[in-house]
PDB file of N, CA and C in Angstrom:
ATOM      1  N   UNK A   1      -5.114-220.735  40.172  1.00  0.00           N
ATOM      2  CA  UNK A   1      -4.314-219.527  40.242  1.00  0.00           C
ATOM      3  C   UNK A   1      -4.083-219.036  38.813  1.00  0.00           C
ATOM      4  N   UNK A   2      -4.304-217.776  38.585  1.00  0.00           N
ATOM      5  CA  UNK A   2      -4.136-217.181  37.261  1.00  0.00           C
ATOM      6  C   UNK A   2      -2.781-216.479  37.163  1.00  0.00           C
ATOM      7  N   UNK A   3      -2.464-216.023  35.955  1.00  0.00           N
ATOM      8  CA  UNK A   3      -1.213-215.290  35.755  1.00  0.00           C
ATOM      9  C   UNK A   3      -1.200-214.029  36.619  1.00  0.00           C
ATOM     10  N   UNK A   4      -2.347-213.350  36.719  1.00  0.00           N
ATOM     11  CA  UNK A   4      -2.433-212.145  37.549  1.00  0.00           C
ATOM     12  C   UNK A   4      -2.172-212.474  39.021  1.00  0.00           C
ATOM     13  N   UNK A   5      -2.677-213.610  39.482  1.00  0.00           N
ATOM     14  CA  UNK A   5      -2.433-214.034  40.869  1.00  0.00           C
ATOM     15  C   UNK A   5      -0.946-214.305  41.097  1.00  0.00           C
ATOM     16  N   UNK A   6      -0.316-214.940  40.127  1.00  0.00           N
ATOM     17  CA  UNK A   6       1.116-215.221  40.247  1.00  0.00           C
ATOM     18  C   UNK A   6       1.908-213.921  40.308  1.00  0.00           C
ATOM     19  N   UNK A   7       1.565-212.975  39.428  1.00  0.00           N
ATOM     20  CA  UNK A   7       2.258-211.682  39.414  1.00  0.00           C
ATOM     21  C   UNK A   7       2.065-210.970  40.749  1.00  0.00           C
ATOM     22  N   UNK A   8       0.845-210.946  41.277  1.00  0.00           N
ATOM     23  CA  UNK A   8       0.582-210.303  42.571  1.00  0.00           C
ATOM     24  C   UNK A   8       1.366-210.959  43.697  1.00  0.00           C
ATOM     25  N   UNK A   9       1.405-212.287  43.703  1.00  0.00           N
ATOM     26  CA  UNK A   9       2.107-213.027  44.764  1.00  0.00           C
ATOM     27  C   UNK A   9       3.611-212.739  44.733  1.00  0.00           C
ATOM     28  N   UNK A  10       4.208-212.785  43.551  1.00  0.00           N
ATOM     29  CA  UNK A  10       5.642-212.509  43.441  1.00  0.00           C
ATOM     30  C   UNK A  10       5.934-211.058  43.799  1.00  0.00           C
ATOM     31  N   UNK A  11       5.077-210.156  43.344  1.00  0.00           N
ATOM     32  CA  UNK A  11       5.260-208.737  43.622  1.00  0.00           C
ATOM     33  C   UNK A  11       5.236-208.458  45.121  1.00  0.00           C
ATOM     34  N   UNK A  12       4.284-209.064  45.822  1.00  0.00           N
ATOM     35  CA  UNK A  12       4.191-208.865  47.276  1.00  0.00           C
ATOM     36  C   UNK A  12       5.367-209.492  48.012  1.00  0.00           C
ATOM     37  N   UNK A  13       5.723-210.731  47.638  1.00  0.00           N
ATOM     38  CA  UNK A  13       6.759-211.434  48.391  1.00  0.00           C
ATOM     39  C   UNK A  13       8.165-210.881  48.138  1.00  0.00           C
ATOM     40  N   UNK A  14       8.424-210.357  46.944  1.00  0.00           N
ATOM     41  CA  UNK A  14       9.763-209.858  46.621  1.00  0.00           C
ATOM     42  C   UNK A  14       9.871-208.338  46.638  1.00  0.00           C
ATOM     43  N   UNK A  15       8.736-207.642  46.790  1.00  0.00           N
ATOM     44  CA  UNK A  15       8.767-206.183  46.844  1.00  0.00           C
ATOM     45  C   UNK A  15       9.116-205.530  45.513  1.00  0.00           C
ATOM     46  N   UNK A  16       8.739-206.172  44.423  1.00  0.00           N
ATOM     47  CA  UNK A  16       9.015-205.641  43.085  1.00  0.00           C
ATOM     48  C   UNK A  16       7.740-205.048  42.495  1.00  0.00           C
ATOM     49  N   UNK A  17       7.871-204.083  41.585  1.00  0.00           N
ATOM     50  CA  UNK A  17       6.675-203.527  40.941  1.00  0.00           C
ATOM     51  C   UNK A  17       5.977-204.586  40.076  1.00  0.00           C
ATOM     52  N   UNK A  18       4.645-204.539  40.064  1.00  0.00           N
ATOM     53  CA  UNK A  18       3.862-205.527  39.322  1.00  0.00           C
ATOM     54  C   UNK A  18       4.188-205.500  37.833  1.00  0.00           C
ATOM     55  N   UNK A  19       4.450-204.327  37.276  1.00  0.00           N
ATOM     56  CA  UNK A  19       4.739-204.221  35.846  1.00  0.00           C
ATOM     57  C   UNK A  19       5.999-205.000  35.484  1.00  0.00           C
ATOM     58  N   UNK A  20       7.027-204.902  36.338  1.00  0.00           N
ATOM     59  CA  UNK A  20       8.281-205.612  36.100  1.00  0.00           C
ATOM     60  C   UNK A  20       8.072-207.124  36.203  1.00  0.00           C
ATOM     61  N   UNK A  21       7.328-207.543  37.211  1.00  0.00           N
ATOM     62  CA  UNK A  21       7.066-208.972  37.403  1.00  0.00           C
ATOM     63  C   UNK A  21       6.250-209.509  36.227  1.00  0.00           C
ATOM     64  N   UNK A  22       5.250-208.756  35.778  1.00  0.00           N
ATOM     65  CA  UNK A  22       4.423-209.179  34.646  1.00  0.00           C
ATOM     66  C   UNK A  22       5.271-209.335  33.388  1.00  0.00           C
ATOM     67  N   UNK A  23       6.165-208.377  33.129  1.00  0.00           N
ATOM     68  CA  UNK A  23       7.043-208.473  31.966  1.00  0.00           C
ATOM     69  C   UNK A  23       7.947-209.696  32.054  1.00  0.00           C
ATOM     70  N   UNK A  24       8.438-209.980  33.254  1.00  0.00           N
ATOM     71  CA  UNK A  24       9.319-211.130  33.451  1.00  0.00           C
ATOM     72  C   UNK A  24       8.567-212.444  33.232  1.00  0.00           C
ATOM     73  N   UNK A  25       7.368-212.557  33.793  1.00  0.00           N
ATOM     74  CA  UNK A  25       6.567-213.776  33.634  1.00  0.00           C
ATOM     75  C   UNK A  25       6.219-213.986  32.160  1.00  0.00           C
ATOM     76  N   UNK A  26       5.805-212.920  31.480  1.00  0.00           N
ATOM     77  CA  UNK A  26       5.461-213.040  30.062  1.00  0.00           C
ATOM     78  C   UNK A  26       6.685-213.375  29.213  1.00  0.00           C
ATOM     79  N   UNK A  27       7.838-212.825  29.559  1.00  0.00           N
ATOM     80  CA  UNK A  27       9.072-213.146  28.836  1.00  0.00           C
ATOM     81  C   UNK A  27       9.437-214.614  29.029  1.00  0.00           C
ATOM     82  N   UNK A  28       9.268-215.131  30.242  1.00  0.00           N
ATOM     83  CA  UNK A  28       9.534-216.547  30.520  1.00  0.00           C
ATOM     84  C   UNK A  28       8.632-217.432  29.662  1.00  0.00           C
ATOM     85  N   UNK A  29       7.350-217.109  29.637  1.00  0.00           N
ATOM     86  CA  UNK A  29       6.411-217.918  28.859  1.00  0.00           C
ATOM     87  C   UNK A  29       6.744-217.854  27.370  1.00  0.00           C
ATOM     88  N   UNK A  30       7.163-216.707  26.888  1.00  0.00           N
ATOM     89  CA  UNK A  30       7.527-216.545  25.476  1.00  0.00           C
ATOM     90  C   UNK A  30       8.747-217.394  25.131  1.00  0.00           C
ATOM     91  N   UNK A  31       9.745-217.418  26.019  1.00  0.00           N
ATOM     92  CA  UNK A  31      10.947-218.227  25.789  1.00  0.00           C
ATOM     93  C   UNK A  31      10.588-219.711  25.748  1.00  0.00           C
ATOM     94  N   UNK A  32       9.718-220.153  26.654  1.00  0.00           N
ATOM     95  CA  UNK A  32       9.308-221.559  26.670  1.00  0.00           C
ATOM     96  C   UNK A  32       8.573-221.899  25.374  1.00  0.00           C
ATOM     97  N   UNK A  33       7.631-221.045  24.948  1.00  0.00           N
ATOM     98  CA  UNK A  33       6.887-221.303  23.708  1.00  0.00           C
ATOM     99  C   UNK A  33       7.815-221.327  22.503  1.00  0.00           C
ATOM    100  N   UNK A  34       8.741-220.381  22.424  1.00  0.00           N
ATOM    101  CA  UNK A  34       9.667-220.335  21.291  1.00  0.00           C
ATOM    102  C   UNK A  34      10.557-221.575  21.248  1.00  0.00           C
ATOM    103  N   UNK A  35      11.045-221.990  22.402  1.00  0.00           N
ATOM    104  CA  UNK A  35      11.910-223.171  22.459  1.00  0.00           C
ATOM    105  C   UNK A  35      11.156-224.421  22.023  1.00  0.00           C
ATOM    106  N   UNK A  36       9.937-224.590  22.505  1.00  0.00           N
ATOM    107  CA  UNK A  36       9.150-225.764  22.132  1.00  0.00           C
ATOM    108  C   UNK A  36       8.791-225.736  20.647  1.00  0.00           C
ATOM    109  N   UNK A  37       8.501-224.559  20.115  1.00  0.00           N
ATOM    110  CA  UNK A  37       8.164-224.488  18.696  1.00  0.00           C
ATOM    111  C   UNK A  37       9.368-224.814  17.816  1.00  0.00           C
ATOM    112  N   UNK A  38      10.584-224.609  18.322  1.00  0.00           N
ATOM    113  CA  UNK A  38      11.806-224.978  17.601  1.00  0.00           C
ATOM    114  C   UNK A  38      12.166-226.448  17.814  1.00  0.00           C
ATOM    115  N   UNK A  39      11.415-227.162  18.652  1.00  0.00           N
ATOM    116  CA  UNK A  39      11.688-228.567  18.919  1.00  0.00           C
ATOM    117  C   UNK A  39      12.641-228.797  20.067  1.00  0.00           C
ATOM    118  N   UNK A  40      12.929-227.764  20.852  1.00  0.00           N
ATOM    119  CA  UNK A  40      13.845-227.887  21.986  1.00  0.00           C
ATOM    120  C   UNK A  40      13.049-228.007  23.283  1.00  0.00           C
ATOM    121  N   UNK A  41      13.430-228.952  24.130  1.00  0.00           N
ATOM    122  CA  UNK A  41      12.803-229.087  25.441  1.00  0.00           C
ATOM    123  C   UNK A  41      13.396-228.062  26.401  1.00  0.00           C
ATOM    124  N   UNK A  42      12.634-227.713  27.438  1.00  0.00           N
ATOM    125  CA  UNK A  42      13.084-226.757  28.449  1.00  0.00           C
ATOM    126  C   UNK A  42      13.160-227.496  29.781  1.00  0.00           C
ATOM    127  N   UNK A  43      14.339-227.528  30.394  1.00  0.00           N
ATOM    128  CA  UNK A  43      14.563-228.241  31.650  1.00  0.00           C
ATOM    129  C   UNK A  43      14.816-227.230  32.763  1.00  0.00           C
ATOM    130  N   UNK A  44      14.021-227.302  33.823  1.00  0.00           N
ATOM    131  CA  UNK A  44      14.203-226.452  34.999  1.00  0.00           C
ATOM    132  C   UNK A  44      14.504-227.371  36.181  1.00  0.00           C
ATOM    133  N   UNK A  45      15.766-227.459  36.533  1.00  0.00           N
ATOM    134  CA  UNK A  45      16.203-228.368  37.585  1.00  0.00           C
ATOM    135  C   UNK A  45      15.471-228.088  38.894  1.00  0.00           C
ATOM    136  N   UNK A  46      14.923-229.137  39.493  1.00  0.00           N
ATOM    137  CA  UNK A  46      14.192-229.013  40.751  1.00  0.00           C
ATOM    138  C   UNK A  46      12.732-228.631  40.573  1.00  0.00           C
ATOM    139  N   UNK A  47      12.316-228.317  39.341  1.00  0.00           N
ATOM    140  CA  UNK A  47      10.922-227.945  39.084  1.00  0.00           C
ATOM    141  C   UNK A  47      10.273-228.905  38.111  1.00  0.00           C
ATOM    142  N   UNK A  48      10.845-229.035  36.911  1.00  0.00           N
ATOM    143  CA  UNK A  48      10.285-229.950  35.926  1.00  0.00           C
ATOM    144  C   UNK A  48      10.765-229.617  34.530  1.00  0.00           C
ATOM    145  N   UNK A  49      10.151-230.267  33.552  1.00  0.00           N
ATOM    146  CA  UNK A  49      10.554-230.097  32.161  1.00  0.00           C
ATOM    147  C   UNK A  49       9.339-229.823  31.293  1.00  0.00           C
ATOM    148  N   UNK A  50       9.484-228.877  30.389  1.00  0.00           N
ATOM    149  CA  UNK A  50       8.500-228.653  29.350  1.00  0.00           C
ATOM    150  C   UNK A  50       9.020-229.416  28.138  1.00  0.00           C
ATOM    151  N   UNK A  51       8.262-230.432  27.717  1.00  0.00           N
ATOM    152  CA  UNK A  51       8.734-231.320  26.659  1.00  0.00           C
ATOM    153  C   UNK A  51       7.700-231.411  25.546  1.00  0.00           C
ATOM    154  N   UNK A  52       8.132-231.950  24.423  1.00  0.00           N
ATOM    155  CA  UNK A  52       7.236-232.219  23.303  1.00  0.00           C
ATOM    156  C   UNK A  52       6.986-233.715  23.237  1.00  0.00           C
ATOM    157  N   UNK A  53       5.723-234.096  23.183  1.00  0.00           N
ATOM    158  CA  UNK A  53       5.359-235.493  23.021  1.00  0.00           C
ATOM    159  C   UNK A  53       4.838-235.678  21.598  1.00  0.00           C
ATOM    160  N   UNK A  54       5.161-236.809  21.014  1.00  0.00           N
ATOM    161  CA  UNK A  54       4.703-237.109  19.668  1.00  0.00           C
ATOM    162  C   UNK A  54       3.530-238.070  19.743  1.00  0.00           C
ATOM    163  N   UNK A  55       2.439-237.672  19.127  1.00  0.00           N
ATOM    164  CA  UNK A  55       1.262-238.526  19.047  1.00  0.00           C
ATOM    165  C   UNK A  55       1.275-239.228  17.692  1.00  0.00           C
ATOM    166  N   UNK A  56       1.065-240.528  17.683  1.00  0.00           N
ATOM    167  CA  UNK A  56       1.095-241.311  16.460  1.00  0.00           C
ATOM    168  C   UNK A  56      -0.116-241.018  15.583  1.00  0.00           C
ATOM    169  N   UNK A  57       0.016-241.369  14.308  1.00  0.00           N
ATOM    170  CA  UNK A  57      -1.112-241.267  13.401  1.00  0.00           C
ATOM    171  C   UNK A  57      -2.185-242.253  13.846  1.00  0.00           C
ATOM    172  N   UNK A  58      -3.445-241.851  13.751  1.00  0.00           N
ATOM    173  CA  UNK A  58      -4.515-242.768  14.144  1.00  0.00           C
ATOM    174  C   UNK A  58      -5.752-242.534  13.286  1.00  0.00           C
ATOM    175  N   UNK A  59      -6.620-243.514  13.301  1.00  0.00           N
ATOM    176  CA  UNK A  59      -7.880-243.440  12.571  1.00  0.00           C
ATOM    177  C   UNK A  59      -8.973-243.071  13.553  1.00  0.00           C
ATOM    178  N   UNK A  60      -9.796-242.105  13.155  1.00  0.00           N
ATOM    179  CA  UNK A  60     -10.909-241.679  14.009  1.00  0.00           C
ATOM    180  C   UNK A  60     -12.196-241.742  13.190  1.00  0.00           C
ATOM    181  N   UNK A  61     -13.325-241.642  13.878  1.00  0.00           N
ATOM    182  CA  UNK A  61     -14.614-241.703  13.190  1.00  0.00           C
ATOM    183  C   UNK A  61     -15.406-240.442  13.452  1.00  0.00           C
ATOM    184  N   UNK A  62     -16.018-239.934  12.390  1.00  0.00           N
ATOM    185  CA  UNK A  62     -16.984-238.853  12.506  1.00  0.00           C
ATOM    186  C   UNK A  62     -18.346-239.520  12.561  1.00  0.00           C
ATOM    187  N   UNK A  63     -18.908-239.609  13.756  1.00  0.00           N
ATOM    188  CA  UNK A  63     -20.135-240.365  13.954  1.00  0.00           C
ATOM    189  C   UNK A  63     -21.310-239.743  13.213  1.00  0.00           C
ATOM    190  N   UNK A  64     -21.410-238.421  13.177  1.00  0.00           N
ATOM    191  CA  UNK A  64     -22.558-237.773  12.536  1.00  0.00           C
ATOM    192  C   UNK A  64     -22.590-238.005  11.026  1.00  0.00           C
ATOM    193  N   UNK A  65     -21.420-238.079  10.382  1.00  0.00           N
ATOM    194  CA  UNK A  65     -21.363-238.317   8.933  1.00  0.00           C
ATOM    195  C   UNK A  65     -21.043-239.770   8.596  1.00  0.00           C
ATOM    196  N   UNK A  66     -20.767-240.568   9.608  1.00  0.00           N
ATOM    197  CA  UNK A  66     -20.418-241.976   9.460  1.00  0.00           C
ATOM    198  C   UNK A  66     -19.239-242.167   8.499  1.00  0.00           C
ATOM    199  N   UNK A  67     -18.181-241.397   8.729  1.00  0.00           N
ATOM    200  CA  UNK A  67     -16.977-241.500   7.913  1.00  0.00           C
ATOM    201  C   UNK A  67     -15.769-241.677   8.823  1.00  0.00           C
ATOM    202  N   UNK A  68     -14.704-242.194   8.233  1.00  0.00           N
ATOM    203  CA  UNK A  68     -13.452-242.299   8.985  1.00  0.00           C
ATOM    204  C   UNK A  68     -12.496-241.225   8.477  1.00  0.00           C
ATOM    205  N   UNK A  69     -11.697-240.734   9.394  1.00  0.00           N
ATOM    206  CA  UNK A  69     -10.685-239.744   9.043  1.00  0.00           C
ATOM    207  C   UNK A  69      -9.357-240.179   9.644  1.00  0.00           C
ATOM    208  N   UNK A  70      -8.296-239.770   9.002  1.00  0.00           N
ATOM    209  CA  UNK A  70      -6.947-240.064   9.496  1.00  0.00           C
ATOM    210  C   UNK A  70      -6.424-238.813  10.190  1.00  0.00           C
ATOM    211  N   UNK A  71      -6.051-238.975  11.445  1.00  0.00           N
ATOM    212  CA  UNK A  71      -5.414-237.887  12.186  1.00  0.00           C
ATOM    213  C   UNK A  71      -3.910-238.105  12.066  1.00  0.00           C
ATOM    214  N   UNK A  72      -3.198-237.172  11.425  1.00  0.00           N
ATOM    215  CA  UNK A  72      -1.762-237.389  11.204  1.00  0.00           C
ATOM    216  C   UNK A  72      -0.959-237.312  12.497  1.00  0.00           C
ATOM    217  N   UNK A  73       0.268-237.830  12.428  1.00  0.00           N
ATOM    218  CA  UNK A  73       1.181-237.732  13.572  1.00  0.00           C
ATOM    219  C   UNK A  73       1.422-236.254  13.875  1.00  0.00           C
ATOM    220  N   UNK A  74       1.426-235.913  15.170  1.00  0.00           N
ATOM    221  CA  UNK A  74       1.634-234.521  15.553  1.00  0.00           C
ATOM    222  C   UNK A  74       2.289-234.459  16.922  1.00  0.00           C
ATOM    223  N   UNK A  75       2.831-233.284  17.239  1.00  0.00           N
ATOM    224  CA  UNK A  75       3.496-233.074  18.529  1.00  0.00           C
ATOM    225  C   UNK A  75       2.627-232.184  19.409  1.00  0.00           C
ATOM    226  N   UNK A  76       2.658-232.462  20.709  1.00  0.00           N
ATOM    227  CA  UNK A  76       1.938-231.634  21.672  1.00  0.00           C
ATOM    228  C   UNK A  76       2.880-231.279  22.819  1.00  0.00           C
ATOM    229  N   UNK A  77       2.728-230.076  23.379  1.00  0.00           N
ATOM    230  CA  UNK A  77       3.554-229.721  24.536  1.00  0.00           C
ATOM    231  C   UNK A  77       3.034-230.407  25.794  1.00  0.00           C
ATOM    232  N   UNK A  78       3.954-230.710  26.692  1.00  0.00           N
ATOM    233  CA  UNK A  78       3.587-231.345  27.952  1.00  0.00           C
ATOM    234  C   UNK A  78       4.542-230.866  29.041  1.00  0.00           C
ATOM    235  N   UNK A  79       4.102-230.993  30.279  1.00  0.00           N
ATOM    236  CA  UNK A  79       4.949-230.660  31.431  1.00  0.00           C
ATOM    237  C   UNK A  79       5.169-231.922  32.235  1.00  0.00           C
ATOM    238  N   UNK A  80       6.426-232.197  32.556  1.00  0.00           N
ATOM    239  CA  UNK A  80       6.768-233.350  33.382  1.00  0.00           C
ATOM    240  C   UNK A  80       7.421-232.829  34.653  1.00  0.00           C
ATOM    241  N   UNK A  81       6.740-232.931  35.806  1.00  0.00           N
ATOM    242  CA  UNK A  81       7.323-232.411  37.048  1.00  0.00           C
ATOM    243  C   UNK A  81       8.504-233.252  37.517  1.00  0.00           C
ATOM    244  N   UNK A  82       9.439-232.600  38.208  1.00  0.00           N
ATOM    245  CA  UNK A  82      10.600-233.309  38.752  1.00  0.00           C
ATOM    246  C   UNK A  82      10.164-234.112  39.973  1.00  0.00           C
ATOM    247  N   UNK A  83      11.017-235.026  40.395  1.00  0.00           N
ATOM    248  CA  UNK A  83      10.714-235.833  41.575  1.00  0.00           C
ATOM    249  C   UNK A  83      10.580-234.954  42.822  1.00  0.00           C
ATOM    250  N   UNK A  84      11.431-233.929  42.943  1.00  0.00           N
ATOM    251  CA  UNK A  84      11.359-233.019  44.093  1.00  0.00           C
ATOM    252  C   UNK A  84      10.030-232.278  44.100  1.00  0.00           C
ATOM    253  N   UNK A  85       9.572-231.845  42.926  1.00  0.00           N
ATOM    254  CA  UNK A  85       8.295-231.143  42.797  1.00  0.00           C
ATOM    255  C   UNK A  85       7.158-232.073  43.208  1.00  0.00           C
ATOM    256  N   UNK A  86       7.172-233.304  42.704  1.00  0.00           N
ATOM    257  CA  UNK A  86       6.108-234.246  43.010  1.00  0.00           C
ATOM    258  C   UNK A  86       6.051-234.583  44.492  1.00  0.00           C
ATOM    259  N   UNK A  87       7.211-234.769  45.114  1.00  0.00           N
ATOM    260  CA  UNK A  87       7.225-235.128  46.535  1.00  0.00           C
ATOM    261  C   UNK A  87       6.763-233.967  47.405  1.00  0.00           C
ATOM    262  N   UNK A  88       7.012-232.731  46.968  1.00  0.00           N
ATOM    263  CA  UNK A  88       6.585-231.567  47.731  1.00  0.00           C
ATOM    264  C   UNK A  88       5.064-231.360  47.640  1.00  0.00           C
ATOM    265  N   UNK A  89       4.491-231.692  46.492  1.00  0.00           N
ATOM    266  CA  UNK A  89       3.060-231.512  46.287  1.00  0.00           C
ATOM    267  C   UNK A  89       2.259-232.592  47.018  1.00  0.00           C
ATOM    268  N   UNK A  90       2.796-233.781  47.103  1.00  0.00           N
ATOM    269  CA  UNK A  90       2.071-234.898  47.740  1.00  0.00           C
ATOM    270  C   UNK A  90       1.898-234.685  49.176  1.00  0.00           C
TER     271      UNK A  90
END
């Protein structure tokens, strides 16, 4: 399902104009991205959490050049579904 599909589905089910729904969906995504970039997790009760995971520093190999490189510690965004969400999907 794409963002356009989500906008169409919400627009049909709630009877709202697609432009308004699209602006709302994009605003939601912007708030989540801004919060995560500031280091704040986003918790949606009954749905799940958008969290930051920290990956440790590690050594990797460039096979073509036969060299080792150090990948520094970094953070990645992740989604952790709530128990209610998981039980509904199963």
